[in-house]
Amino acid sequence: MANIKSAKKRILVTETKAARNKATRSRVKTFVKKVDAAIAAGDKAAAQAALLAATSEIDKAASKGVYHKNTASRKVSRLSKAVSAMA
């Protein structure tokens, strides 16, 4: 355990940020699962609506620094490709 006051503060701040990042990542995963579920159900309209929401959520996460911009772009690209590949 840290003895210096600033080190103790850094530990607390890091825990707070880690919890916030974890919540954001979890939220993104939930939105991605909704897109996957709509694709599995074969509902193109629902998949497109879910894709729009998921894209927005991924972009927010990237802007906050939770995801690297290339990672966010890759996730959006793969989801878009899956939705547009639906018959």
N, C-alpha and C. Protein backbone atom coordinates (compact mmCIF):
# COMPACT_ATOMS: atom_id res chain seq x y z
N MET A 1 0.85 -1.20 0.00
CA MET A 1 0.00 0.00 0.00
C MET A 1 0.88 1.24 0.00
N ALA A 2 0.43 2.26 -0.72
CA ALA A 2 1.19 3.50 -0.83
C ALA A 2 1.19 4.26 0.49
N ASN A 3 2.30 4.94 0.77
CA ASN A 3 2.41 5.77 1.97
C ASN A 3 2.25 7.25 1.67
N ILE A 4 2.61 7.64 0.46
CA ILE A 4 2.59 9.06 0.09
C ILE A 4 1.16 9.46 -0.28
N LYS A 5 0.78 10.65 0.17
CA LYS A 5 -0.59 11.13 -0.02
C LYS A 5 -0.99 11.18 -1.50
N SER A 6 -0.10 11.68 -2.35
CA SER A 6 -0.43 11.78 -3.77
C SER A 6 -0.59 10.40 -4.41
N ALA A 7 0.20 9.43 -3.94
CA ALA A 7 0.09 8.06 -4.47
C ALA A 7 -1.23 7.44 -4.05
N LYS A 8 -1.66 7.73 -2.82
CA LYS A 8 -2.96 7.22 -2.35
C LYS A 8 -4.09 7.80 -3.20
N LYS A 9 -3.95 9.10 -3.51
CA LYS A 9 -4.97 9.75 -4.34
C LYS A 9 -4.99 9.14 -5.74
N ARG A 10 -3.82 8.90 -6.31
CA ARG A 10 -3.75 8.30 -7.64
C ARG A 10 -4.45 6.95 -7.67
N ILE A 11 -4.27 6.16 -6.60
CA ILE A 11 -4.92 4.85 -6.53
C ILE A 11 -6.44 5.02 -6.58
N LEU A 12 -6.96 5.97 -5.80
CA LEU A 12 -8.41 6.21 -5.78
C LEU A 12 -8.92 6.69 -7.13
N VAL A 13 -8.18 7.62 -7.74
CA VAL A 13 -8.60 8.17 -9.04
C VAL A 13 -8.57 7.08 -10.11
N THR A 14 -7.53 6.25 -10.07
CA THR A 14 -7.41 5.17 -11.05
C THR A 14 -8.57 4.18 -10.92
N GLU A 15 -8.94 3.85 -9.69
CA GLU A 15 -10.07 2.93 -9.47
C GLU A 15 -11.36 3.53 -10.02
N THR A 16 -11.57 4.83 -9.78
CA THR A 16 -12.77 5.50 -10.28
C THR A 16 -12.82 5.46 -11.81
N LYS A 17 -11.69 5.81 -12.43
CA LYS A 17 -11.64 5.82 -13.90
C LYS A 17 -11.82 4.42 -14.47
N ALA A 18 -11.22 3.42 -13.82
CA ALA A 18 -11.34 2.04 -14.29
C ALA A 18 -12.79 1.58 -14.23
N ALA A 19 -13.49 1.95 -13.15
CA ALA A 19 -14.89 1.58 -13.01
C ALA A 19 -15.74 2.24 -14.10
N ARG A 20 -15.44 3.50 -14.38
CA ARG A 20 -16.18 4.23 -15.41
C ARG A 20 -15.93 3.62 -16.79
N ASN A 21 -14.68 3.28 -17.08
CA ASN A 21 -14.34 2.66 -18.36
C ASN A 21 -15.02 1.30 -18.50
N LYS A 22 -15.04 0.54 -17.41
CA LYS A 22 -15.66 -0.79 -17.43
C LYS A 22 -17.16 -0.67 -17.73
N ALA A 23 -17.80 0.31 -17.12
CA ALA A 23 -19.23 0.52 -17.35
C ALA A 23 -19.49 0.90 -18.81
N THR A 24 -18.64 1.74 -19.36
CA THR A 24 -18.80 2.16 -20.76
C THR A 24 -18.61 0.98 -21.70
N ARG A 25 -17.57 0.16 -21.44
CA ARG A 25 -17.32 -1.01 -22.28
C ARG A 25 -18.50 -1.99 -22.21
N SER A 26 -19.05 -2.16 -21.02
CA SER A 26 -20.18 -3.05 -20.83
C SER A 26 -21.40 -2.55 -21.60
N ARG A 27 -21.60 -1.23 -21.56
CA ARG A 27 -22.73 -0.62 -22.28
C ARG A 27 -22.58 -0.84 -23.79
N VAL A 28 -21.38 -0.68 -24.29
CA VAL A 28 -21.12 -0.90 -25.73
C VAL A 28 -21.42 -2.36 -26.08
N LYS A 29 -20.96 -3.28 -25.24
CA LYS A 29 -21.20 -4.71 -25.50
C LYS A 29 -22.69 -5.01 -25.56
N THR A 30 -23.48 -4.38 -24.69
CA THR A 30 -24.93 -4.59 -24.67
C THR A 30 -25.54 -4.14 -25.99
N PHE A 31 -25.13 -2.97 -26.48
CA PHE A 31 -25.65 -2.46 -27.74
C PHE A 31 -25.25 -3.35 -28.91
N VAL A 32 -24.02 -3.87 -28.88
CA VAL A 32 -23.56 -4.77 -29.94
C VAL A 32 -24.37 -6.07 -29.92
N LYS A 33 -24.67 -6.57 -28.72
CA LYS A 33 -25.48 -7.79 -28.60
C LYS A 33 -26.87 -7.58 -29.17
N LYS A 34 -27.43 -6.38 -29.01
CA LYS A 34 -28.75 -6.08 -29.56
C LYS A 34 -28.72 -6.14 -31.09
N VAL A 35 -27.64 -5.65 -31.68
CA VAL A 35 -27.49 -5.71 -33.14
C VAL A 35 -27.39 -7.18 -33.58
N ASP A 36 -26.55 -7.95 -32.86
CA ASP A 36 -26.38 -9.37 -33.20
C ASP A 36 -27.69 -10.14 -33.08
N ALA A 37 -28.46 -9.82 -32.05
CA ALA A 37 -29.75 -10.50 -31.84
C ALA A 37 -30.71 -10.18 -32.99
N ALA A 38 -30.73 -8.93 -33.43
CA ALA A 38 -31.61 -8.54 -34.53
C ALA A 38 -31.18 -9.22 -35.83
N ILE A 39 -29.87 -9.36 -36.02
CA ILE A 39 -29.36 -10.05 -37.22
C ILE A 39 -29.76 -11.52 -37.18
N ALA A 40 -29.61 -12.14 -36.00
CA ALA A 40 -29.97 -13.56 -35.85
C ALA A 40 -31.46 -13.78 -36.08
N ALA A 41 -32.28 -12.80 -35.67
CA ALA A 41 -33.72 -12.90 -35.84
C ALA A 41 -34.14 -12.62 -37.29
N GLY A 42 -33.24 -12.03 -38.06
CA GLY A 42 -33.53 -11.74 -39.45
C GLY A 42 -34.36 -10.49 -39.66
N ASP A 43 -34.41 -9.63 -38.65
CA ASP A 43 -35.19 -8.40 -38.71
C ASP A 43 -34.28 -7.24 -39.14
N LYS A 44 -34.30 -6.93 -40.43
CA LYS A 44 -33.37 -5.92 -40.97
C LYS A 44 -33.64 -4.52 -40.41
N ALA A 45 -34.91 -4.16 -40.27
CA ALA A 45 -35.26 -2.83 -39.77
C ALA A 45 -34.75 -2.65 -38.33
N ALA A 46 -34.98 -3.67 -37.51
CA ALA A 46 -34.52 -3.62 -36.12
C ALA A 46 -33.00 -3.61 -36.06
N ALA A 47 -32.37 -4.36 -36.95
CA ALA A 47 -30.90 -4.41 -36.99
C ALA A 47 -30.32 -3.05 -37.35
N GLN A 48 -30.95 -2.36 -38.30
CA GLN A 48 -30.45 -1.04 -38.69
C GLN A 48 -30.64 -0.03 -37.57
N ALA A 49 -31.77 -0.10 -36.88
CA ALA A 49 -32.02 0.80 -35.76
C ALA A 49 -31.01 0.53 -34.62
N ALA A 50 -30.78 -0.76 -34.36
CA ALA A 50 -29.83 -1.13 -33.31
C ALA A 50 -28.41 -0.73 -33.71
N LEU A 51 -28.10 -0.84 -35.00
CA LEU A 51 -26.78 -0.44 -35.50
C LEU A 51 -26.55 1.05 -35.28
N LEU A 52 -27.56 1.85 -35.54
CA LEU A 52 -27.45 3.29 -35.34
C LEU A 52 -27.15 3.62 -33.87
N ALA A 53 -27.87 2.96 -32.96
CA ALA A 53 -27.65 3.19 -31.53
C ALA A 53 -26.27 2.70 -31.10
N ALA A 54 -25.87 1.54 -31.61
CA ALA A 54 -24.57 0.96 -31.25
C ALA A 54 -23.42 1.83 -31.76
N THR A 55 -23.57 2.34 -32.98
CA THR A 55 -22.54 3.21 -33.56
C THR A 55 -22.36 4.46 -32.71
N SER A 56 -23.47 5.03 -32.30
CA SER A 56 -23.42 6.22 -31.46
C SER A 56 -22.71 5.94 -30.14
N GLU A 57 -23.03 4.81 -29.55
CA GLU A 57 -22.44 4.43 -28.26
C GLU A 57 -20.94 4.15 -28.40
N ILE A 58 -20.55 3.49 -29.48
CA ILE A 58 -19.12 3.20 -29.73
C ILE A 58 -18.35 4.50 -29.95
N ASP A 59 -18.96 5.44 -30.69
CA ASP A 59 -18.30 6.72 -30.94
C ASP A 59 -18.13 7.52 -29.65
N LYS A 60 -19.13 7.46 -28.78
CA LYS A 60 -19.02 8.15 -27.49
C LYS A 60 -17.87 7.56 -26.68
N ALA A 61 -17.78 6.23 -26.68
CA ALA A 61 -16.71 5.56 -25.93
C ALA A 61 -15.35 5.94 -26.48
N ALA A 62 -15.24 6.05 -27.79
CA ALA A 62 -13.97 6.42 -28.41
C ALA A 62 -13.60 7.86 -28.08
N SER A 63 -14.60 8.74 -28.06
CA SER A 63 -14.32 10.15 -27.77
C SER A 63 -13.89 10.34 -26.32
N LYS A 64 -14.34 9.45 -25.43
CA LYS A 64 -13.94 9.52 -24.03
C LYS A 64 -12.61 8.83 -23.77
N GLY A 65 -12.09 8.16 -24.80
CA GLY A 65 -10.80 7.50 -24.64
C GLY A 65 -10.88 6.09 -24.11
N VAL A 66 -12.09 5.54 -24.05
CA VAL A 66 -12.25 4.16 -23.58
C VAL A 66 -11.74 3.19 -24.65
N TYR A 67 -12.04 3.51 -25.90
CA TYR A 67 -11.54 2.73 -27.03
C TYR A 67 -10.64 3.62 -27.88
N HIS A 68 -9.63 3.03 -28.49
CA HIS A 68 -8.81 3.74 -29.49
C HIS A 68 -9.69 3.97 -30.71
N LYS A 69 -9.44 5.06 -31.43
CA LYS A 69 -10.31 5.40 -32.56
C LYS A 69 -10.33 4.31 -33.63
N ASN A 70 -9.20 3.63 -33.84
CA ASN A 70 -9.18 2.55 -34.83
C ASN A 70 -9.99 1.35 -34.37
N THR A 71 -9.95 1.07 -33.08
CA THR A 71 -10.75 -0.03 -32.52
C THR A 71 -12.23 0.27 -32.70
N ALA A 72 -12.62 1.50 -32.39
CA ALA A 72 -14.02 1.90 -32.54
C ALA A 72 -14.45 1.80 -34.00
N SER A 73 -13.57 2.25 -34.89
CA SER A 73 -13.87 2.20 -36.31
C SER A 73 -14.03 0.77 -36.79
N ARG A 74 -13.17 -0.12 -36.30
CA ARG A 74 -13.24 -1.53 -36.68
C ARG A 74 -14.55 -2.16 -36.21
N LYS A 75 -14.95 -1.85 -34.98
CA LYS A 75 -16.20 -2.39 -34.43
C LYS A 75 -17.40 -1.94 -35.26
N VAL A 76 -17.43 -0.64 -35.58
CA VAL A 76 -18.54 -0.09 -36.37
C VAL A 76 -18.56 -0.73 -37.75
N SER A 77 -17.38 -0.87 -38.35
CA SER A 77 -17.27 -1.44 -39.68
C SER A 77 -17.80 -2.87 -39.72
N ARG A 78 -17.39 -3.67 -38.74
CA ARG A 78 -17.83 -5.07 -38.71
C ARG A 78 -19.33 -5.19 -38.50
N LEU A 79 -19.88 -4.33 -37.63
CA LEU A 79 -21.32 -4.36 -37.41
C LEU A 79 -22.07 -3.94 -38.68
N SER A 80 -21.59 -2.88 -39.32
CA SER A 80 -22.24 -2.38 -40.55
C SER A 80 -22.21 -3.44 -41.64
N LYS A 81 -21.06 -4.11 -41.75
CA LYS A 81 -20.91 -5.15 -42.75
C LYS A 81 -21.90 -6.30 -42.50
N ALA A 82 -22.06 -6.66 -41.23
CA ALA A 82 -22.97 -7.75 -40.89
C ALA A 82 -24.42 -7.38 -41.19
N VAL A 83 -24.79 -6.13 -40.89
CA VAL A 83 -26.16 -5.69 -41.14
C VAL A 83 -26.44 -5.60 -42.65
N SER A 84 -25.48 -5.07 -43.40
CA SER A 84 -25.72 -4.92 -44.83
C SER A 84 -25.66 -6.27 -45.56
N ALA A 85 -25.06 -7.29 -44.94
CA ALA A 85 -25.00 -8.61 -45.56
C ALA A 85 -26.31 -9.39 -45.39
N MET A 86 -27.23 -8.84 -44.57
CA MET A 86 -28.51 -9.52 -44.38
C MET A 86 -29.30 -9.55 -45.68
N ALA A 87 -30.01 -10.63 -45.91
CA ALA A 87 -30.80 -10.77 -47.14
C ALA A 87 -32.07 -9.97 -47.07
